[in-house]
């Protein structure tokens, strides 16, 4: 008899997946040696550790930080580790060793408006408006030279802010910067705009272009 399957067909064999990517977080007790031990020999691991030292020492891998480890046919190919919310350590296999870089994390950023009125605390008002504790801290830091958040803020005071919502691979990934805001305290409105002037450090300015950062904080206590 003659098979209807074309000669050389591999339809009967299971599909091969030589490239595998593991997405996980660093667990307690895990180190570079335990993560790469089955993929690199001691000499390769020594070379890689030395190469990473100036950009990001591998001994600083932190529990809870996410990473992606790509393996090709059982061999190390790529390691991407989140140093923080802004940067990644990227290690890639090359023909003669490894390339090691620190790269900004690619986010999709969408500006949204948060606004609210103080009923109990600034933190609660920001959360109720759809923000986070971190966004409340940002807002307080911006106006720290003009508003004493311990004593000046009262029930009925209000805020409105244009903030960055970040997305990574389509999933929410926390807050970015506050781009503009105003905070009304006892009928007095304070305004802030985020601005970067060339190579200078970015900062916040009022409507007349004056920096909000002054010599003294209204309440010099974090």
C-alpha atoms as a PDB file:
ATOM      1  CA  UNK A   1       0.000   0.000   0.000  1.00  0.00           C
ATOM      2  CA  UNK A   2       1.047   3.584  -0.462  1.00  0.00           C
ATOM      3  CA  UNK A   3       0.756   6.316   2.174  1.00  0.00           C
ATOM      4  CA  UNK A   4      -1.110   9.524   1.285  1.00  0.00           C
ATOM      5  CA  UNK A   5       1.392  11.519   3.407  1.00  0.00           C
ATOM      6  CA  UNK A   6       4.080  13.312   1.315  1.00  0.00           C
ATOM      7  CA  UNK A   7       7.535  11.766   1.433  1.00  0.00           C
ATOM      8  CA  UNK A   8       9.660  13.220   4.246  1.00  0.00           C
ATOM      9  CA  UNK A   9       6.591  14.506   6.101  1.00  0.00           C
ATOM     10  CA  UNK A  10       7.082  14.920   9.864  1.00  0.00           C
ATOM     11  CA  UNK A  11       3.379  15.143  10.641  1.00  0.00           C
ATOM     12  CA  UNK A  12       3.605  12.056  12.820  1.00  0.00           C
ATOM     13  CA  UNK A  13       6.421  13.522  14.936  1.00  0.00           C
ATOM     14  CA  UNK A  14       5.697  15.938  17.810  1.00  0.00           C
ATOM     15  CA  UNK A  15       6.520  19.580  17.089  1.00  0.00           C
ATOM     16  CA  UNK A  16       9.868  20.695  18.417  1.00  0.00           C
ATOM     17  CA  UNK A  17      10.250  23.900  20.410  1.00  0.00           C
ATOM     18  CA  UNK A  18      13.976  24.539  20.738  1.00  0.00           C
ATOM     19  CA  UNK A  19      13.498  28.063  22.138  1.00  0.00           C
ATOM     20  CA  UNK A  20      11.901  28.331  25.577  1.00  0.00           C
ATOM     21  CA  UNK A  21      11.381  31.486  27.642  1.00  0.00           C
ATOM     22  CA  UNK A  22      10.807  31.275  31.377  1.00  0.00           C
ATOM     23  CA  UNK A  23       9.074  34.245  33.011  1.00  0.00           C
ATOM     24  CA  UNK A  24       9.404  34.286  36.792  1.00  0.00           C
ATOM     25  CA  UNK A  25      10.564  36.313  39.786  1.00  0.00           C
ATOM     26  CA  UNK A  26      13.709  35.864  41.861  1.00  0.00           C
ATOM     27  CA  UNK A  27      12.938  33.588  44.798  1.00  0.00           C
ATOM     28  CA  UNK A  28      14.562  33.669  48.253  1.00  0.00           C
ATOM     29  CA  UNK A  29      17.970  32.044  48.090  1.00  0.00           C
ATOM     30  CA  UNK A  30      18.239  32.226  44.294  1.00  0.00           C
ATOM     31  CA  UNK A  31      21.474  33.596  42.841  1.00  0.00           C
ATOM     32  CA  UNK A  32      23.026  33.899  39.404  1.00  0.00           C
ATOM     33  CA  UNK A  33      24.735  30.553  40.031  1.00  0.00           C
ATOM     34  CA  UNK A  34      21.453  28.784  40.737  1.00  0.00           C
ATOM     35  CA  UNK A  35      19.655  30.469  37.829  1.00  0.00           C
ATOM     36  CA  UNK A  36      22.381  29.783  35.244  1.00  0.00           C
ATOM     37  CA  UNK A  37      24.137  26.802  36.835  1.00  0.00           C
ATOM     38  CA  UNK A  38      22.711  24.202  34.462  1.00  0.00           C
ATOM     39  CA  UNK A  39      23.278  26.420  31.412  1.00  0.00           C
ATOM     40  CA  UNK A  40      26.796  27.804  31.958  1.00  0.00           C
ATOM     41  CA  UNK A  41      29.973  26.215  33.236  1.00  0.00           C
ATOM     42  CA  UNK A  42      32.008  27.801  36.040  1.00  0.00           C
ATOM     43  CA  UNK A  43      34.363  29.586  33.649  1.00  0.00           C
ATOM     44  CA  UNK A  44      31.506  31.101  31.648  1.00  0.00           C
ATOM     45  CA  UNK A  45      29.731  32.173  34.835  1.00  0.00           C
ATOM     46  CA  UNK A  46      32.936  33.784  36.122  1.00  0.00           C
ATOM     47  CA  UNK A  47      33.367  35.720  32.866  1.00  0.00           C
ATOM     48  CA  UNK A  48      29.736  36.822  32.876  1.00  0.00           C
ATOM     49  CA  UNK A  49      29.877  37.937  36.522  1.00  0.00           C
ATOM     50  CA  UNK A  50      32.962  40.047  35.831  1.00  0.00           C
ATOM     51  CA  UNK A  51      31.376  41.553  32.726  1.00  0.00           C
ATOM     52  CA  UNK A  52      28.211  42.554  34.631  1.00  0.00           C
ATOM     53  CA  UNK A  53      30.044  44.045  37.603  1.00  0.00           C
ATOM     54  CA  UNK A  54      30.280  47.641  36.326  1.00  0.00           C
ATOM     55  CA  UNK A  55      26.730  47.847  34.960  1.00  0.00           C
ATOM     56  CA  UNK A  56      24.865  45.799  37.569  1.00  0.00           C
ATOM     57  CA  UNK A  57      26.544  43.236  39.853  1.00  0.00           C
ATOM     58  CA  UNK A  58      24.724  39.916  39.655  1.00  0.00           C
ATOM     59  CA  UNK A  59      24.978  39.554  43.445  1.00  0.00           C
ATOM     60  CA  UNK A  60      22.381  42.352  43.636  1.00  0.00           C
ATOM     61  CA  UNK A  61      19.608  40.245  42.108  1.00  0.00           C
ATOM     62  CA  UNK A  62      16.719  40.990  44.450  1.00  0.00           C
ATOM     63  CA  UNK A  63      13.959  38.731  45.707  1.00  0.00           C
ATOM     64  CA  UNK A  64      10.643  39.457  43.999  1.00  0.00           C
ATOM     65  CA  UNK A  65      12.078  41.163  40.923  1.00  0.00           C
ATOM     66  CA  UNK A  66      10.792  39.723  37.628  1.00  0.00           C
ATOM     67  CA  UNK A  67      13.005  38.238  34.935  1.00  0.00           C
ATOM     68  CA  UNK A  68      12.814  36.363  31.641  1.00  0.00           C
ATOM     69  CA  UNK A  69      15.309  33.598  30.861  1.00  0.00           C
ATOM     70  CA  UNK A  70      15.461  32.344  27.271  1.00  0.00           C
ATOM     71  CA  UNK A  71      16.999  28.960  26.504  1.00  0.00           C
ATOM     72  CA  UNK A  72      17.715  27.658  22.984  1.00  0.00           C
ATOM     73  CA  UNK A  73      18.147  23.896  22.667  1.00  0.00           C
ATOM     74  CA  UNK A  74      19.186  23.703  26.305  1.00  0.00           C
ATOM     75  CA  UNK A  75      21.745  26.517  26.002  1.00  0.00           C
ATOM     76  CA  UNK A  76      21.654  30.000  27.555  1.00  0.00           C
ATOM     77  CA  UNK A  77      20.476  32.606  25.035  1.00  0.00           C
ATOM     78  CA  UNK A  78      19.126  35.677  26.870  1.00  0.00           C
ATOM     79  CA  UNK A  79      18.368  36.987  30.360  1.00  0.00           C
ATOM     80  CA  UNK A  80      16.289  40.110  31.007  1.00  0.00           C
ATOM     81  CA  UNK A  81      16.024  41.249  34.641  1.00  0.00           C
ATOM     82  CA  UNK A  82      14.067  44.240  35.971  1.00  0.00           C
ATOM     83  CA  UNK A  83      16.551  46.304  37.986  1.00  0.00           C
ATOM     84  CA  UNK A  84      13.721  48.650  38.973  1.00  0.00           C
ATOM     85  CA  UNK A  85      10.541  49.989  37.409  1.00  0.00           C
ATOM     86  CA  UNK A  86      12.514  51.934  34.799  1.00  0.00           C
ATOM     87  CA  UNK A  87      15.496  49.790  33.728  1.00  0.00           C
ATOM     88  CA  UNK A  88      16.366  46.248  32.759  1.00  0.00           C
ATOM     89  CA  UNK A  89      19.627  44.324  32.739  1.00  0.00           C
ATOM     90  CA  UNK A  90      19.881  42.524  29.393  1.00  0.00           C
ATOM     91  CA  UNK A  91      22.381  39.681  28.938  1.00  0.00           C
ATOM     92  CA  UNK A  92      22.517  38.075  25.486  1.00  0.00           C
ATOM     93  CA  UNK A  93      24.673  35.250  24.165  1.00  0.00           C
ATOM     94  CA  UNK A  94      26.984  36.252  21.308  1.00  0.00           C
ATOM     95  CA  UNK A  95      29.339  34.324  19.045  1.00  0.00           C
ATOM     96  CA  UNK A  96      32.322  35.095  21.280  1.00  0.00           C
ATOM     97  CA  UNK A  97      30.739  35.467  24.715  1.00  0.00           C
ATOM     98  CA  UNK A  98      28.049  37.783  26.094  1.00  0.00           C
ATOM     99  CA  UNK A  99      26.701  41.280  25.552  1.00  0.00           C
ATOM    100  CA  UNK A 100      25.554  43.084  28.701  1.00  0.00           C
ATOM    101  CA  UNK A 101      23.470  46.282  28.661  1.00  0.00           C
ATOM    102  CA  UNK A 102      21.178  48.355  30.855  1.00  0.00           C
ATOM    103  CA  UNK A 103      18.113  49.379  28.878  1.00  0.00           C
ATOM    104  CA  UNK A 104      14.998  51.440  29.613  1.00  0.00           C
ATOM    105  CA  UNK A 105      11.873  49.326  30.007  1.00  0.00           C
ATOM    106  CA  UNK A 106       9.510  49.891  27.102  1.00  0.00           C
ATOM    107  CA  UNK A 107       6.148  51.133  28.346  1.00  0.00           C
ATOM    108  CA  UNK A 108       3.063  52.323  26.552  1.00  0.00           C
ATOM    109  CA  UNK A 109       2.079  55.543  28.309  1.00  0.00           C
ATOM    110  CA  UNK A 110      -1.419  56.985  28.395  1.00  0.00           C
ATOM    111  CA  UNK A 111      -2.181  60.349  30.041  1.00  0.00           C
ATOM    112  CA  UNK A 112      -5.293  60.321  32.227  1.00  0.00           C
ATOM    113  CA  UNK A 113      -6.940  62.864  34.527  1.00  0.00           C
ATOM    114  CA  UNK A 114      -7.297  62.229  38.259  1.00  0.00           C
ATOM    115  CA  UNK A 115      -9.408  64.563  40.353  1.00  0.00           C
ATOM    116  CA  UNK A 116     -10.839  64.373  43.806  1.00  0.00           C
ATOM    117  CA  UNK A 117     -11.875  66.111  46.995  1.00  0.00           C
ATOM    118  CA  UNK A 118     -10.375  65.506  50.429  1.00  0.00           C
ATOM    119  CA  UNK A 119     -12.825  63.682  52.708  1.00  0.00           C
ATOM    120  CA  UNK A 120     -10.387  62.111  55.162  1.00  0.00           C
ATOM    121  CA  UNK A 121      -6.843  62.128  53.765  1.00  0.00           C
ATOM    122  CA  UNK A 122      -4.920  62.923  50.588  1.00  0.00           C
ATOM    123  CA  UNK A 123      -3.948  59.253  50.221  1.00  0.00           C
ATOM    124  CA  UNK A 124      -7.551  58.072  50.355  1.00  0.00           C
ATOM    125  CA  UNK A 125      -8.735  60.788  47.975  1.00  0.00           C
ATOM    126  CA  UNK A 126      -6.094  59.878  45.361  1.00  0.00           C
ATOM    127  CA  UNK A 127      -6.890  56.163  45.650  1.00  0.00           C
ATOM    128  CA  UNK A 128     -10.627  56.877  45.357  1.00  0.00           C
ATOM    129  CA  UNK A 129      -9.882  58.870  42.183  1.00  0.00           C
ATOM    130  CA  UNK A 130      -8.158  55.853  40.624  1.00  0.00           C
ATOM    131  CA  UNK A 131      -4.552  56.607  41.631  1.00  0.00           C
ATOM    132  CA  UNK A 132      -2.145  54.922  44.016  1.00  0.00           C
ATOM    133  CA  UNK A 133      -0.330  55.692  47.246  1.00  0.00           C
ATOM    134  CA  UNK A 134       2.761  56.423  45.151  1.00  0.00           C
ATOM    135  CA  UNK A 135       0.830  58.991  43.119  1.00  0.00           C
ATOM    136  CA  UNK A 136      -0.312  60.673  46.350  1.00  0.00           C
ATOM    137  CA  UNK A 137       3.322  60.902  47.478  1.00  0.00           C
ATOM    138  CA  UNK A 138       4.292  62.433  44.107  1.00  0.00           C
ATOM    139  CA  UNK A 139       1.533  65.011  44.413  1.00  0.00           C
ATOM    140  CA  UNK A 140       2.572  65.939  47.964  1.00  0.00           C
ATOM    141  CA  UNK A 141       6.255  66.157  46.938  1.00  0.00           C
ATOM    142  CA  UNK A 142       5.471  68.545  44.074  1.00  0.00           C
ATOM    143  CA  UNK A 143       3.705  71.055  46.326  1.00  0.00           C
ATOM    144  CA  UNK A 144       5.819  70.463  49.445  1.00  0.00           C
ATOM    145  CA  UNK A 145       7.355  73.965  49.197  1.00  0.00           C
ATOM    146  CA  UNK A 146       3.948  75.692  49.191  1.00  0.00           C
ATOM    147  CA  UNK A 147       1.581  73.438  51.166  1.00  0.00           C
ATOM    148  CA  UNK A 148       1.989  72.016  54.649  1.00  0.00           C
ATOM    149  CA  UNK A 149       0.200  68.688  54.184  1.00  0.00           C
ATOM    150  CA  UNK A 150       0.169  68.103  57.952  1.00  0.00           C
ATOM    151  CA  UNK A 151      -1.750  71.249  58.861  1.00  0.00           C
ATOM    152  CA  UNK A 152      -2.980  73.171  55.798  1.00  0.00           C
ATOM    153  CA  UNK A 153      -5.089  70.520  54.047  1.00  0.00           C
ATOM    154  CA  UNK A 154      -8.701  70.313  55.192  1.00  0.00           C
ATOM    155  CA  UNK A 155     -11.851  68.436  54.257  1.00  0.00           C
ATOM    156  CA  UNK A 156     -13.253  69.974  51.067  1.00  0.00           C
ATOM    157  CA  UNK A 157      -9.870  70.863  49.544  1.00  0.00           C
ATOM    158  CA  UNK A 158      -9.445  69.439  46.052  1.00  0.00           C
ATOM    159  CA  UNK A 159      -6.912  68.428  43.418  1.00  0.00           C
ATOM    160  CA  UNK A 160      -6.801  67.676  39.714  1.00  0.00           C
ATOM    161  CA  UNK A 161      -3.839  66.147  37.898  1.00  0.00           C
ATOM    162  CA  UNK A 162      -2.834  64.839  34.490  1.00  0.00           C
ATOM    163  CA  UNK A 163      -0.843  61.672  35.188  1.00  0.00           C
ATOM    164  CA  UNK A 164       0.845  58.966  33.146  1.00  0.00           C
ATOM    165  CA  UNK A 165      -0.624  55.461  33.331  1.00  0.00           C
ATOM    166  CA  UNK A 166       1.899  52.890  32.152  1.00  0.00           C
ATOM    167  CA  UNK A 167       1.228  49.616  30.357  1.00  0.00           C
ATOM    168  CA  UNK A 168       3.688  46.834  29.612  1.00  0.00           C
ATOM    169  CA  UNK A 169       2.801  44.190  27.060  1.00  0.00           C
ATOM    170  CA  UNK A 170      -0.796  45.358  27.324  1.00  0.00           C
ATOM    171  CA  UNK A 171      -1.027  44.968  31.111  1.00  0.00           C
ATOM    172  CA  UNK A 172      -1.185  47.850  33.659  1.00  0.00           C
ATOM    173  CA  UNK A 173       2.312  48.584  34.980  1.00  0.00           C
ATOM    174  CA  UNK A 174       1.893  51.306  37.554  1.00  0.00           C
ATOM    175  CA  UNK A 175       2.085  55.080  37.478  1.00  0.00           C
ATOM    176  CA  UNK A 176       4.480  57.305  35.625  1.00  0.00           C
ATOM    177  CA  UNK A 177       4.951  61.022  36.135  1.00  0.00           C
ATOM    178  CA  UNK A 178       2.501  63.751  37.034  1.00  0.00           C
ATOM    179  CA  UNK A 179       2.497  66.031  33.979  1.00  0.00           C
ATOM    180  CA  UNK A 180       0.395  68.859  35.395  1.00  0.00           C
ATOM    181  CA  UNK A 181      -1.590  69.465  38.548  1.00  0.00           C
ATOM    182  CA  UNK A 182      -3.419  71.982  40.622  1.00  0.00           C
ATOM    183  CA  UNK A 183      -4.231  71.721  44.301  1.00  0.00           C
ATOM    184  CA  UNK A 184      -6.768  73.976  45.951  1.00  0.00           C
ATOM    185  CA  UNK A 185      -6.252  74.497  49.682  1.00  0.00           C
ATOM    186  CA  UNK A 186      -8.589  76.829  51.561  1.00  0.00           C
ATOM    187  CA  UNK A 187      -9.643  78.558  48.319  1.00  0.00           C
ATOM    188  CA  UNK A 188      -6.026  79.099  47.211  1.00  0.00           C
ATOM    189  CA  UNK A 189      -5.019  77.171  44.071  1.00  0.00           C
ATOM    190  CA  UNK A 190      -1.441  76.041  43.510  1.00  0.00           C
ATOM    191  CA  UNK A 191      -0.467  74.972  39.985  1.00  0.00           C
ATOM    192  CA  UNK A 192       2.399  72.829  38.690  1.00  0.00           C
ATOM    193  CA  UNK A 193       3.650  71.877  35.232  1.00  0.00           C
ATOM    194  CA  UNK A 194       6.321  69.272  34.499  1.00  0.00           C
ATOM    195  CA  UNK A 195       9.041  70.637  32.185  1.00  0.00           C
ATOM    196  CA  UNK A 196      12.465  69.567  30.975  1.00  0.00           C
ATOM    197  CA  UNK A 197      14.774  72.237  29.618  1.00  0.00           C
ATOM    198  CA  UNK A 198      17.352  70.622  27.331  1.00  0.00           C
ATOM    199  CA  UNK A 199      19.891  68.618  29.325  1.00  0.00           C
ATOM    200  CA  UNK A 200      18.874  70.158  32.663  1.00  0.00           C
ATOM    201  CA  UNK A 201      17.172  68.071  35.346  1.00  0.00           C
ATOM    202  CA  UNK A 202      13.382  68.144  34.785  1.00  0.00           C
ATOM    203  CA  UNK A 203      11.262  69.890  37.374  1.00  0.00           C
ATOM    204  CA  UNK A 204       7.921  71.480  38.180  1.00  0.00           C
ATOM    205  CA  UNK A 205       7.046  75.127  37.501  1.00  0.00           C
ATOM    206  CA  UNK A 206       4.112  77.442  38.092  1.00  0.00           C
ATOM    207  CA  UNK A 207       2.151  79.345  35.442  1.00  0.00           C
ATOM    208  CA  UNK A 208       4.782  82.107  35.379  1.00  0.00           C
ATOM    209  CA  UNK A 209       7.596  79.607  34.755  1.00  0.00           C
ATOM    210  CA  UNK A 210       9.005  79.841  38.287  1.00  0.00           C
ATOM    211  CA  UNK A 211      10.372  76.687  39.847  1.00  0.00           C
ATOM    212  CA  UNK A 212       8.280  75.272  42.667  1.00  0.00           C
ATOM    213  CA  UNK A 213      11.456  74.115  44.417  1.00  0.00           C
ATOM    214  CA  UNK A 214      12.338  76.755  46.983  1.00  0.00           C
ATOM    215  CA  UNK A 215      14.866  77.126  49.781  1.00  0.00           C
ATOM    216  CA  UNK A 216      12.598  75.766  52.505  1.00  0.00           C
ATOM    217  CA  UNK A 217       9.843  73.152  52.692  1.00  0.00           C
ATOM    218  CA  UNK A 218       6.579  74.144  54.347  1.00  0.00           C
ATOM    219  CA  UNK A 219       6.845  71.000  56.509  1.00  0.00           C
ATOM    220  CA  UNK A 220      10.431  69.627  56.555  1.00  0.00           C
ATOM    221  CA  UNK A 221       9.406  66.083  57.521  1.00  0.00           C
ATOM    222  CA  UNK A 222       8.766  63.246  55.079  1.00  0.00           C
END
